[in-house]
Amino acid sequence: MQLATALSVLIICYGYSAIYLNRNKMISLMLAGVGSILTLGFGLWLIELHKLDADFWIPLLIAACGLLWCVLGFFLRIGLLHFCGYAFWALLYAGFFGHVRPDASLLELELLWLPLCVLMIWMSWLMYHKVSGVSGVYLGAGVALWLMPEVDALWLRAGFPEWTSLVLILKIAVGLALLFLFRKKWITWVAS
């Protein structure tokens, strides 16, 4: 009964978000946001209600929410929802590799995250040429993934030296310089 109630509320929120997408963008975005918060909230509530194993079900909930938000954000062209889906998948990726390799060096973290950064930026360029309206999400996700090795080292792992924060500041400066140098390219991707 609880699952049916939760699913019906979510279907109503996301369904009306799709209906109001062209009529009233603000209502559509609010309904998508409420549906997204309820998706996560209902999932956590059901896990607690049924006393399920949190080590298994919470990552599964994160994966399901991330996938749902990526798909709905893509088809409804809601960039923030789409980006949050990728952020949840990045959280899942960080948690998985934090569990598998808790003692990873900063170089290993760079090798874990930077290929994903390049992939997302390449997807941004590709989506600009194939599908309109979503390339900014991929560029934003790529820029966020550019900073994730240091964020992973500083917040999700222990024992990294304090100079890791200096590397983060340096990467932010390099990223801003690259964005400035290539502004004529990426602004056209984001604007379409």
N, C-alpha and C. Protein backbone atom coordinates (compact mmCIF):
# COMPACT_ATOMS: atom_id res chain seq x y z
N MET A 1 0.81 -1.19 0.00
CA MET A 1 0.00 0.00 0.00
C MET A 1 0.86 1.26 0.00
N GLN A 2 1.95 1.26 0.84
CA GLN A 2 2.81 2.43 0.91
C GLN A 2 3.50 2.67 -0.43
N LEU A 3 3.94 1.58 -1.07
CA LEU A 3 4.64 1.71 -2.35
C LEU A 3 3.70 2.25 -3.43
N ALA A 4 2.47 1.76 -3.46
CA ALA A 4 1.50 2.23 -4.45
C ALA A 4 1.17 3.70 -4.23
N THR A 5 1.02 4.11 -2.98
CA THR A 5 0.75 5.51 -2.68
C THR A 5 1.91 6.39 -3.11
N ALA A 6 3.13 5.98 -2.77
CA ALA A 6 4.31 6.77 -3.14
C ALA A 6 4.44 6.87 -4.65
N LEU A 7 4.26 5.75 -5.36
CA LEU A 7 4.37 5.79 -6.82
C LEU A 7 3.30 6.66 -7.46
N SER A 8 2.07 6.60 -6.93
CA SER A 8 1.02 7.42 -7.53
C SER A 8 1.29 8.91 -7.32
N VAL A 9 1.80 9.29 -6.15
CA VAL A 9 2.13 10.70 -5.90
C VAL A 9 3.26 11.14 -6.85
N LEU A 10 4.25 10.30 -7.03
CA LEU A 10 5.36 10.64 -7.93
C LEU A 10 4.91 10.74 -9.37
N ILE A 11 4.07 9.82 -9.80
CA ILE A 11 3.56 9.86 -11.18
C ILE A 11 2.74 11.13 -11.40
N ILE A 12 1.95 11.51 -10.41
CA ILE A 12 1.16 12.75 -10.52
C ILE A 12 2.08 13.97 -10.62
N CYS A 13 3.09 14.04 -9.75
CA CYS A 13 4.02 15.19 -9.77
C CYS A 13 4.75 15.29 -11.10
N TYR A 14 5.37 14.19 -11.52
CA TYR A 14 6.13 14.23 -12.77
C TYR A 14 5.22 14.34 -13.99
N GLY A 15 4.05 13.73 -13.93
CA GLY A 15 3.11 13.83 -15.06
C GLY A 15 2.62 15.25 -15.28
N TYR A 16 2.21 15.90 -14.18
CA TYR A 16 1.77 17.29 -14.31
C TYR A 16 2.94 18.22 -14.63
N SER A 17 4.13 17.85 -14.22
CA SER A 17 5.31 18.64 -14.61
C SER A 17 5.48 18.60 -16.13
N ALA A 18 5.28 17.44 -16.71
CA ALA A 18 5.38 17.32 -18.17
C ALA A 18 4.24 18.06 -18.86
N ILE A 19 3.04 18.02 -18.28
CA ILE A 19 1.89 18.70 -18.89
C ILE A 19 2.07 20.21 -18.85
N TYR A 20 2.54 20.75 -17.72
CA TYR A 20 2.70 22.20 -17.57
C TYR A 20 4.01 22.73 -18.15
N LEU A 21 4.81 21.88 -18.75
CA LEU A 21 6.12 22.30 -19.25
C LEU A 21 6.01 23.45 -20.26
N ASN A 22 5.07 23.37 -21.17
CA ASN A 22 4.91 24.42 -22.17
C ASN A 22 3.91 25.49 -21.75
N ARG A 23 3.05 25.18 -20.79
CA ARG A 23 2.04 26.15 -20.35
C ARG A 23 2.58 27.13 -19.32
N ASN A 24 3.18 26.58 -18.25
CA ASN A 24 3.69 27.42 -17.18
C ASN A 24 4.97 26.77 -16.65
N LYS A 25 6.10 27.31 -17.07
CA LYS A 25 7.39 26.70 -16.76
C LYS A 25 7.66 26.66 -15.25
N MET A 26 7.24 27.69 -14.52
CA MET A 26 7.49 27.74 -13.08
C MET A 26 6.75 26.61 -12.36
N ILE A 27 5.50 26.38 -12.70
CA ILE A 27 4.75 25.29 -12.06
C ILE A 27 5.36 23.95 -12.43
N SER A 28 5.78 23.82 -13.67
CA SER A 28 6.41 22.57 -14.11
C SER A 28 7.68 22.29 -13.32
N LEU A 29 8.51 23.32 -13.14
CA LEU A 29 9.75 23.14 -12.38
C LEU A 29 9.47 22.83 -10.91
N MET A 30 8.47 23.49 -10.34
CA MET A 30 8.13 23.23 -8.94
C MET A 30 7.62 21.81 -8.76
N LEU A 31 6.79 21.34 -9.67
CA LEU A 31 6.29 19.97 -9.56
C LEU A 31 7.41 18.95 -9.74
N ALA A 32 8.34 19.22 -10.65
CA ALA A 32 9.48 18.31 -10.83
C ALA A 32 10.35 18.31 -9.58
N GLY A 33 10.55 19.47 -8.97
CA GLY A 33 11.33 19.54 -7.74
C GLY A 33 10.67 18.81 -6.59
N VAL A 34 9.35 19.01 -6.43
CA VAL A 34 8.61 18.30 -5.38
C VAL A 34 8.66 16.80 -5.62
N GLY A 35 8.47 16.40 -6.87
CA GLY A 35 8.54 14.97 -7.19
C GLY A 35 9.91 14.38 -6.90
N SER A 36 10.95 15.14 -7.16
CA SER A 36 12.31 14.65 -6.90
C SER A 36 12.60 14.53 -5.42
N ILE A 37 12.19 15.52 -4.65
CA ILE A 37 12.38 15.45 -3.20
C ILE A 37 11.56 14.31 -2.61
N LEU A 38 10.34 14.14 -3.10
CA LEU A 38 9.50 13.04 -2.62
C LEU A 38 10.05 11.68 -3.03
N THR A 39 10.66 11.59 -4.20
CA THR A 39 11.27 10.33 -4.62
C THR A 39 12.33 9.90 -3.62
N LEU A 40 13.20 10.80 -3.29
CA LEU A 40 14.25 10.50 -2.33
C LEU A 40 13.67 10.27 -0.94
N GLY A 41 12.74 11.10 -0.53
CA GLY A 41 12.14 10.97 0.79
C GLY A 41 11.35 9.68 0.96
N PHE A 42 10.53 9.34 -0.05
CA PHE A 42 9.77 8.09 0.02
C PHE A 42 10.70 6.89 0.04
N GLY A 43 11.78 6.95 -0.74
CA GLY A 43 12.73 5.85 -0.74
C GLY A 43 13.37 5.63 0.62
N LEU A 44 13.82 6.72 1.22
CA LEU A 44 14.42 6.62 2.56
C LEU A 44 13.39 6.17 3.60
N TRP A 45 12.17 6.66 3.47
CA TRP A 45 11.11 6.27 4.39
C TRP A 45 10.79 4.78 4.28
N LEU A 46 10.71 4.26 3.05
CA LEU A 46 10.42 2.84 2.87
C LEU A 46 11.55 1.96 3.38
N ILE A 47 12.79 2.42 3.20
CA ILE A 47 13.93 1.66 3.72
C ILE A 47 13.86 1.60 5.25
N GLU A 48 13.53 2.72 5.87
CA GLU A 48 13.43 2.75 7.33
C GLU A 48 12.20 1.98 7.82
N LEU A 49 11.08 2.11 7.13
CA LEU A 49 9.83 1.47 7.54
C LEU A 49 9.94 -0.05 7.54
N HIS A 50 10.58 -0.59 6.52
CA HIS A 50 10.70 -2.05 6.39
C HIS A 50 11.99 -2.60 6.97
N LYS A 51 12.76 -1.75 7.62
CA LYS A 51 14.03 -2.16 8.27
C LYS A 51 14.94 -2.91 7.29
N LEU A 52 15.11 -2.34 6.10
CA LEU A 52 15.95 -2.95 5.08
C LEU A 52 17.41 -2.63 5.34
N ASP A 53 18.29 -3.42 4.78
CA ASP A 53 19.73 -3.23 4.94
C ASP A 53 20.15 -1.94 4.23
N ALA A 54 20.53 -0.94 5.01
CA ALA A 54 20.85 0.38 4.45
C ALA A 54 22.10 0.34 3.57
N ASP A 55 23.04 -0.54 3.87
CA ASP A 55 24.26 -0.62 3.06
C ASP A 55 23.98 -1.09 1.64
N PHE A 56 22.89 -1.80 1.43
CA PHE A 56 22.51 -2.24 0.09
C PHE A 56 21.48 -1.32 -0.54
N TRP A 57 20.44 -0.96 0.22
CA TRP A 57 19.30 -0.27 -0.36
C TRP A 57 19.53 1.22 -0.59
N ILE A 58 20.33 1.88 0.23
CA ILE A 58 20.57 3.31 0.01
C ILE A 58 21.37 3.55 -1.27
N PRO A 59 22.46 2.80 -1.55
CA PRO A 59 23.10 2.98 -2.86
C PRO A 59 22.18 2.64 -4.03
N LEU A 60 21.32 1.64 -3.84
CA LEU A 60 20.36 1.31 -4.89
C LEU A 60 19.36 2.46 -5.09
N LEU A 61 18.93 3.09 -4.00
CA LEU A 61 18.04 4.25 -4.09
C LEU A 61 18.74 5.41 -4.78
N ILE A 62 20.01 5.64 -4.45
CA ILE A 62 20.77 6.71 -5.09
C ILE A 62 20.90 6.45 -6.58
N ALA A 63 21.17 5.20 -6.96
CA ALA A 63 21.28 4.86 -8.38
C ALA A 63 19.95 5.05 -9.10
N ALA A 64 18.86 4.60 -8.47
CA ALA A 64 17.53 4.74 -9.09
C ALA A 64 17.13 6.20 -9.23
N CYS A 65 17.36 7.00 -8.17
CA CYS A 65 17.03 8.43 -8.26
C CYS A 65 17.87 9.11 -9.32
N GLY A 66 19.16 8.80 -9.37
CA GLY A 66 20.04 9.38 -10.38
C GLY A 66 19.58 9.05 -11.79
N LEU A 67 19.22 7.80 -12.01
CA LEU A 67 18.77 7.39 -13.34
C LEU A 67 17.44 8.07 -13.69
N LEU A 68 16.51 8.08 -12.74
CA LEU A 68 15.21 8.71 -12.98
C LEU A 68 15.38 10.19 -13.29
N TRP A 69 16.22 10.87 -12.52
CA TRP A 69 16.41 12.31 -12.73
C TRP A 69 17.13 12.60 -14.03
N CYS A 70 18.10 11.75 -14.41
CA CYS A 70 18.78 11.95 -15.70
C CYS A 70 17.79 11.80 -16.85
N VAL A 71 16.97 10.75 -16.80
CA VAL A 71 16.02 10.50 -17.89
C VAL A 71 14.96 11.60 -17.95
N LEU A 72 14.36 11.93 -16.80
CA LEU A 72 13.33 12.97 -16.79
C LEU A 72 13.91 14.34 -17.13
N GLY A 73 15.09 14.64 -16.61
CA GLY A 73 15.73 15.92 -16.94
C GLY A 73 16.04 16.03 -18.42
N PHE A 74 16.43 14.92 -19.03
CA PHE A 74 16.73 14.94 -20.47
C PHE A 74 15.47 15.14 -21.29
N PHE A 75 14.44 14.36 -21.01
CA PHE A 75 13.23 14.43 -21.83
C PHE A 75 12.38 15.67 -21.55
N LEU A 76 12.38 16.13 -20.30
CA LEU A 76 11.61 17.34 -19.99
C LEU A 76 12.43 18.61 -20.18
N ARG A 77 13.71 18.46 -20.46
CA ARG A 77 14.64 19.58 -20.65
C ARG A 77 14.70 20.46 -19.39
N ILE A 78 14.81 19.78 -18.25
CA ILE A 78 15.00 20.48 -16.97
C ILE A 78 16.45 20.26 -16.59
N GLY A 79 17.28 21.27 -16.83
CA GLY A 79 18.72 21.13 -16.66
C GLY A 79 19.15 20.80 -15.24
N LEU A 80 18.54 21.44 -14.25
CA LEU A 80 18.94 21.19 -12.87
C LEU A 80 18.62 19.75 -12.45
N LEU A 81 17.49 19.25 -12.86
CA LEU A 81 17.12 17.87 -12.55
C LEU A 81 18.09 16.90 -13.23
N HIS A 82 18.42 17.18 -14.46
CA HIS A 82 19.37 16.36 -15.22
C HIS A 82 20.74 16.38 -14.54
N PHE A 83 21.19 17.55 -14.13
CA PHE A 83 22.48 17.69 -13.44
C PHE A 83 22.47 16.95 -12.11
N CYS A 84 21.37 17.04 -11.37
CA CYS A 84 21.29 16.33 -10.08
C CYS A 84 21.35 14.83 -10.27
N GLY A 85 20.81 14.34 -11.37
CA GLY A 85 20.94 12.91 -11.66
C GLY A 85 22.39 12.50 -11.83
N TYR A 86 23.15 13.31 -12.57
CA TYR A 86 24.58 13.01 -12.72
C TYR A 86 25.34 13.20 -11.42
N ALA A 87 24.91 14.15 -10.60
CA ALA A 87 25.56 14.34 -9.30
C ALA A 87 25.34 13.12 -8.41
N PHE A 88 24.15 12.52 -8.45
CA PHE A 88 23.90 11.32 -7.66
C PHE A 88 24.74 10.15 -8.19
N TRP A 89 24.89 10.05 -9.50
CA TRP A 89 25.74 8.99 -10.04
C TRP A 89 27.19 9.21 -9.65
N ALA A 90 27.64 10.46 -9.60
CA ALA A 90 29.01 10.76 -9.15
C ALA A 90 29.17 10.41 -7.68
N LEU A 91 28.14 10.67 -6.87
CA LEU A 91 28.17 10.29 -5.47
C LEU A 91 28.28 8.78 -5.31
N LEU A 92 27.53 8.06 -6.11
CA LEU A 92 27.59 6.60 -6.08
C LEU A 92 28.97 6.10 -6.51
N TYR A 93 29.52 6.71 -7.55
CA TYR A 93 30.86 6.37 -8.05
C TYR A 93 31.91 6.63 -6.98
N ALA A 94 31.81 7.78 -6.30
CA ALA A 94 32.76 8.10 -5.23
C ALA A 94 32.64 7.13 -4.07
N GLY A 95 31.43 6.79 -3.70
CA GLY A 95 31.23 5.84 -2.61
C GLY A 95 31.75 4.46 -2.93
N PHE A 96 31.53 4.02 -4.18
CA PHE A 96 32.00 2.70 -4.58
C PHE A 96 33.52 2.63 -4.54
N PHE A 97 34.19 3.61 -5.15
CA PHE A 97 35.65 3.57 -5.16
C PHE A 97 36.25 3.93 -3.81
N GLY A 98 35.51 4.66 -2.99
CA GLY A 98 35.97 4.89 -1.62
C GLY A 98 35.94 3.61 -0.80
N HIS A 99 34.99 2.73 -1.14
CA HIS A 99 34.90 1.44 -0.45
C HIS A 99 35.93 0.45 -1.00
N VAL A 100 36.13 0.47 -2.32
CA VAL A 100 37.06 -0.47 -2.95
C VAL A 100 38.51 -0.07 -2.69
N ARG A 101 38.82 1.22 -2.84
CA ARG A 101 40.19 1.71 -2.68
C ARG A 101 40.22 2.86 -1.67
N PRO A 102 40.07 2.57 -0.38
CA PRO A 102 40.06 3.67 0.60
C PRO A 102 41.42 4.34 0.75
N ASP A 103 42.48 3.68 0.34
CA ASP A 103 43.83 4.24 0.49
C ASP A 103 44.39 4.74 -0.83
N ALA A 104 43.53 5.13 -1.76
CA ALA A 104 43.98 5.60 -3.07
C ALA A 104 44.78 6.89 -2.94
N SER A 105 45.80 7.00 -3.78
CA SER A 105 46.60 8.22 -3.80
C SER A 105 45.88 9.29 -4.63
N LEU A 106 46.42 10.50 -4.58
CA LEU A 106 45.81 11.60 -5.35
C LEU A 106 45.92 11.33 -6.85
N LEU A 107 47.00 10.70 -7.28
CA LEU A 107 47.14 10.36 -8.70
C LEU A 107 46.08 9.35 -9.12
N GLU A 108 45.81 8.36 -8.28
CA GLU A 108 44.75 7.40 -8.59
C GLU A 108 43.38 8.07 -8.66
N LEU A 109 43.15 9.01 -7.76
CA LEU A 109 41.88 9.74 -7.79
C LEU A 109 41.75 10.56 -9.06
N GLU A 110 42.86 11.17 -9.47
CA GLU A 110 42.83 11.92 -10.75
C GLU A 110 42.48 10.97 -11.90
N LEU A 111 43.06 9.79 -11.90
CA LEU A 111 42.80 8.83 -12.97
C LEU A 111 41.39 8.26 -12.90
N LEU A 112 40.77 8.29 -11.72
CA LEU A 112 39.38 7.85 -11.60
C LEU A 112 38.39 8.88 -12.13
N TRP A 113 38.67 10.16 -11.89
CA TRP A 113 37.70 11.20 -12.19
C TRP A 113 37.91 11.93 -13.51
N LEU A 114 39.16 12.15 -13.91
CA LEU A 114 39.39 12.97 -15.10
C LEU A 114 38.90 12.35 -16.41
N PRO A 115 38.96 11.02 -16.60
CA PRO A 115 38.34 10.50 -17.83
C PRO A 115 36.84 10.76 -17.90
N LEU A 116 36.16 10.73 -16.76
CA LEU A 116 34.74 11.08 -16.75
C LEU A 116 34.52 12.54 -17.09
N CYS A 117 35.42 13.39 -16.62
CA CYS A 117 35.36 14.82 -16.94
C CYS A 117 35.47 15.04 -18.44
N VAL A 118 36.44 14.39 -19.04
CA VAL A 118 36.64 14.52 -20.49
C VAL A 118 35.43 13.96 -21.24
N LEU A 119 34.90 12.83 -20.77
CA LEU A 119 33.72 12.24 -21.42
C LEU A 119 32.52 13.18 -21.37
N MET A 120 32.30 13.81 -20.23
CA MET A 120 31.14 14.70 -20.12
C MET A 120 31.30 15.95 -20.98
N ILE A 121 32.51 16.48 -21.05
CA ILE A 121 32.73 17.65 -21.90
C ILE A 121 32.59 17.28 -23.37
N TRP A 122 33.07 16.10 -23.72
CA TRP A 122 32.89 15.62 -25.10
C TRP A 122 31.40 15.42 -25.39
N MET A 123 30.65 14.88 -24.42
CA MET A 123 29.21 14.71 -24.60
C MET A 123 28.51 16.07 -24.76
N SER A 124 29.04 17.09 -24.09
CA SER A 124 28.49 18.42 -24.24
C SER A 124 28.64 18.90 -25.68
N TRP A 125 29.81 18.70 -26.23
CA TRP A 125 30.04 19.09 -27.62
C TRP A 125 29.17 18.28 -28.56
N LEU A 126 29.06 16.98 -28.31
CA LEU A 126 28.25 16.11 -29.16
C LEU A 126 26.77 16.47 -29.07
N MET A 127 26.28 16.71 -27.87
CA MET A 127 24.87 17.05 -27.70
C MET A 127 24.53 18.41 -28.32
N TYR A 128 25.50 19.31 -28.35
CA TYR A 128 25.28 20.59 -29.01
C TYR A 128 24.97 20.38 -30.48
N HIS A 129 25.64 19.41 -31.08
CA HIS A 129 25.44 19.16 -32.51
C HIS A 129 24.24 18.25 -32.79
N LYS A 130 23.79 17.47 -31.82
CA LYS A 130 22.73 16.49 -32.08
C LYS A 130 21.39 16.83 -31.42
N VAL A 131 21.43 17.22 -30.15
CA VAL A 131 20.20 17.47 -29.37
C VAL A 131 20.31 18.85 -28.74
N SER A 132 19.32 19.66 -28.96
CA SER A 132 19.40 21.02 -28.40
C SER A 132 18.93 21.05 -26.95
N GLY A 133 19.52 21.94 -26.18
CA GLY A 133 19.04 22.21 -24.84
C GLY A 133 19.65 21.42 -23.71
N VAL A 134 20.54 20.47 -23.97
CA VAL A 134 21.10 19.68 -22.87
C VAL A 134 22.62 19.77 -22.78
N SER A 135 23.25 20.44 -23.71
CA SER A 135 24.71 20.46 -23.71
C SER A 135 25.28 21.21 -22.51
N GLY A 136 24.54 22.19 -21.99
CA GLY A 136 25.00 22.91 -20.82
C GLY A 136 25.08 22.02 -19.58
N VAL A 137 24.18 21.05 -19.49
CA VAL A 137 24.20 20.13 -18.36
C VAL A 137 25.47 19.29 -18.39
N TYR A 138 25.81 18.80 -19.56
CA TYR A 138 27.01 17.97 -19.68
C TYR A 138 28.27 18.79 -19.44
N LEU A 139 28.27 20.03 -19.90
CA LEU A 139 29.43 20.89 -19.63
C LEU A 139 29.54 21.17 -18.14
N GLY A 140 28.43 21.46 -17.48
CA GLY A 140 28.46 21.67 -16.04
C GLY A 140 28.90 20.44 -15.27
N ALA A 141 28.44 19.28 -15.70
CA ALA A 141 28.87 18.04 -15.04
C ALA A 141 30.36 17.79 -15.27
N GLY A 142 30.84 18.09 -16.48
CA GLY A 142 32.27 17.93 -16.75
C GLY A 142 33.12 18.86 -15.92
N VAL A 143 32.67 20.10 -15.76
CA VAL A 143 33.41 21.06 -14.93
C VAL A 143 33.41 20.60 -13.47
N ALA A 144 32.28 20.10 -12.99
CA ALA A 144 32.22 19.60 -11.61
C ALA A 144 33.12 18.39 -11.42
N LEU A 145 33.16 17.51 -12.41
CA LEU A 145 34.02 16.33 -12.32
C LEU A 145 35.50 16.69 -12.40
N TRP A 146 35.83 17.83 -12.99
CA TRP A 146 37.21 18.31 -13.04
C TRP A 146 37.74 18.53 -11.63
N LEU A 147 36.87 18.95 -10.72
CA LEU A 147 37.27 19.26 -9.34
C LEU A 147 37.08 18.08 -8.38
N MET A 148 36.45 17.01 -8.83
CA MET A 148 36.10 15.92 -7.94
C MET A 148 37.28 15.15 -7.33
N PRO A 149 38.43 14.98 -7.99
CA PRO A 149 39.51 14.25 -7.32
C PRO A 149 39.93 14.90 -6.00
N GLU A 150 40.05 16.21 -6.00
CA GLU A 150 40.45 16.90 -4.78
C GLU A 150 39.32 16.93 -3.75
N VAL A 151 38.09 17.10 -4.22
CA VAL A 151 36.95 17.06 -3.31
C VAL A 151 36.83 15.67 -2.68
N ASP A 152 37.03 14.64 -3.49
CA ASP A 152 37.03 13.26 -2.99
C ASP A 152 38.12 13.07 -1.95
N ALA A 153 39.30 13.59 -2.22
CA ALA A 153 40.43 13.42 -1.29
C ALA A 153 40.21 14.19 0.01
N LEU A 154 39.65 15.39 -0.08
CA LEU A 154 39.50 16.22 1.11
C LEU A 154 38.31 15.86 1.97
N TRP A 155 37.18 15.51 1.37
CA TRP A 155 35.96 15.32 2.14
C TRP A 155 35.57 13.87 2.35
N LEU A 156 35.91 13.00 1.41
CA LEU A 156 35.44 11.63 1.51
C LEU A 156 36.51 10.65 1.99
N ARG A 157 37.74 11.08 2.07
CA ARG A 157 38.82 10.20 2.50
C ARG A 157 39.63 10.90 3.59
N ALA A 158 40.38 10.13 4.33
CA ALA A 158 41.18 10.69 5.42
C ALA A 158 42.66 10.53 5.10
N GLY A 159 43.48 11.39 5.68
CA GLY A 159 44.92 11.23 5.58
C GLY A 159 45.59 11.95 4.43
N PHE A 160 44.88 12.82 3.75
CA PHE A 160 45.53 13.55 2.67
C PHE A 160 46.18 14.81 3.23
N PRO A 161 47.35 15.19 2.68
CA PRO A 161 48.03 16.38 3.21
C PRO A 161 47.25 17.65 2.90
N GLU A 162 47.62 18.72 3.62
CA GLU A 162 46.89 19.98 3.45
C GLU A 162 47.17 20.65 2.11
N TRP A 163 48.25 20.27 1.44
CA TRP A 163 48.53 20.89 0.15
C TRP A 163 47.54 20.42 -0.92
N THR A 164 46.70 19.44 -0.60
CA THR A 164 45.66 19.01 -1.55
C THR A 164 44.69 20.15 -1.81
N SER A 165 44.42 20.97 -0.81
CA SER A 165 43.53 22.12 -1.02
C SER A 165 44.18 23.14 -1.95
N LEU A 166 45.50 23.25 -1.92
CA LEU A 166 46.19 24.14 -2.87
C LEU A 166 46.07 23.62 -4.30
N VAL A 167 46.10 22.30 -4.46
CA VAL A 167 45.89 21.71 -5.79
C VAL A 167 44.48 22.02 -6.26
N LEU A 168 43.51 21.97 -5.35
CA LEU A 168 42.13 22.31 -5.71
C LEU A 168 42.03 23.76 -6.17
N ILE A 169 42.66 24.66 -5.45
CA ILE A 169 42.64 26.08 -5.84
C ILE A 169 43.33 26.28 -7.19
N LEU A 170 44.43 25.58 -7.42
CA LEU A 170 45.13 25.66 -8.70
C LEU A 170 44.26 25.13 -9.83
N LYS A 171 43.55 24.01 -9.58
CA LYS A 171 42.67 23.47 -10.62
C LYS A 171 41.50 24.40 -10.91
N ILE A 172 40.99 25.07 -9.89
CA ILE A 172 39.92 26.05 -10.12
C ILE A 172 40.44 27.18 -11.00
N ALA A 173 41.66 27.66 -10.72
CA ALA A 173 42.25 28.74 -11.53
C ALA A 173 42.48 28.28 -12.96
N VAL A 174 43.00 27.08 -13.14
CA VAL A 174 43.23 26.54 -14.50
C VAL A 174 41.90 26.35 -15.22
N GLY A 175 40.90 25.83 -14.50
CA GLY A 175 39.58 25.64 -15.10
C GLY A 175 38.96 26.96 -15.54
N LEU A 176 39.06 27.99 -14.70
CA LEU A 176 38.54 29.30 -15.08
C LEU A 176 39.29 29.88 -16.27
N ALA A 177 40.61 29.68 -16.30
CA ALA A 177 41.40 30.16 -17.45
C ALA A 177 40.98 29.44 -18.73
N LEU A 178 40.77 28.12 -18.65
CA LEU A 178 40.33 27.36 -19.83
C LEU A 178 38.94 27.80 -20.28
N LEU A 179 38.06 28.03 -19.33
CA LEU A 179 36.73 28.51 -19.69
C LEU A 179 36.80 29.88 -20.35
N PHE A 180 37.69 30.74 -19.87
CA PHE A 180 37.84 32.06 -20.48
C PHE A 180 38.44 31.94 -21.89
N LEU A 181 39.45 31.11 -22.04
CA LEU A 181 40.10 30.97 -23.35
C LEU A 181 39.16 30.40 -24.40
N PHE A 182 38.34 29.45 -24.00
CA PHE A 182 37.46 28.78 -24.96
C PHE A 182 36.01 29.26 -24.84
N ARG A 183 35.81 30.48 -24.38
CA ARG A 183 34.47 30.99 -24.12
C ARG A 183 33.61 31.06 -25.37
N LYS A 184 34.21 31.32 -26.53
CA LYS A 184 33.42 31.40 -27.75
C LYS A 184 32.88 30.04 -28.16
N LYS A 185 33.56 28.98 -27.77
CA LYS A 185 33.09 27.62 -28.07
C LYS A 185 31.99 27.19 -27.13
N TRP A 186 32.27 27.22 -25.81
CA TRP A 186 31.32 26.63 -24.88
C TRP A 186 30.08 27.49 -24.66
N ILE A 187 30.17 28.79 -24.89
CA ILE A 187 28.98 29.63 -24.72
C ILE A 187 27.93 29.27 -25.76
N THR A 188 28.37 28.92 -26.98
CA THR A 188 27.40 28.49 -27.99
C THR A 188 26.78 27.15 -27.62
N TRP A 189 27.54 26.28 -26.95
CA TRP A 189 26.97 25.00 -26.51
C TRP A 189 25.89 25.23 -25.47
N VAL A 190 26.17 26.11 -24.52
CA VAL A 190 25.26 26.32 -23.39
C VAL A 190 24.06 27.14 -23.83
N ALA A 191 24.24 28.07 -24.74
CA ALA A 191 23.17 28.98 -25.15
C ALA A 191 22.10 28.28 -25.99
N SER A 192 22.46 27.17 -26.64
CA SER A 192 21.45 26.52 -27.50
C SER A 192 20.54 25.59 -26.74
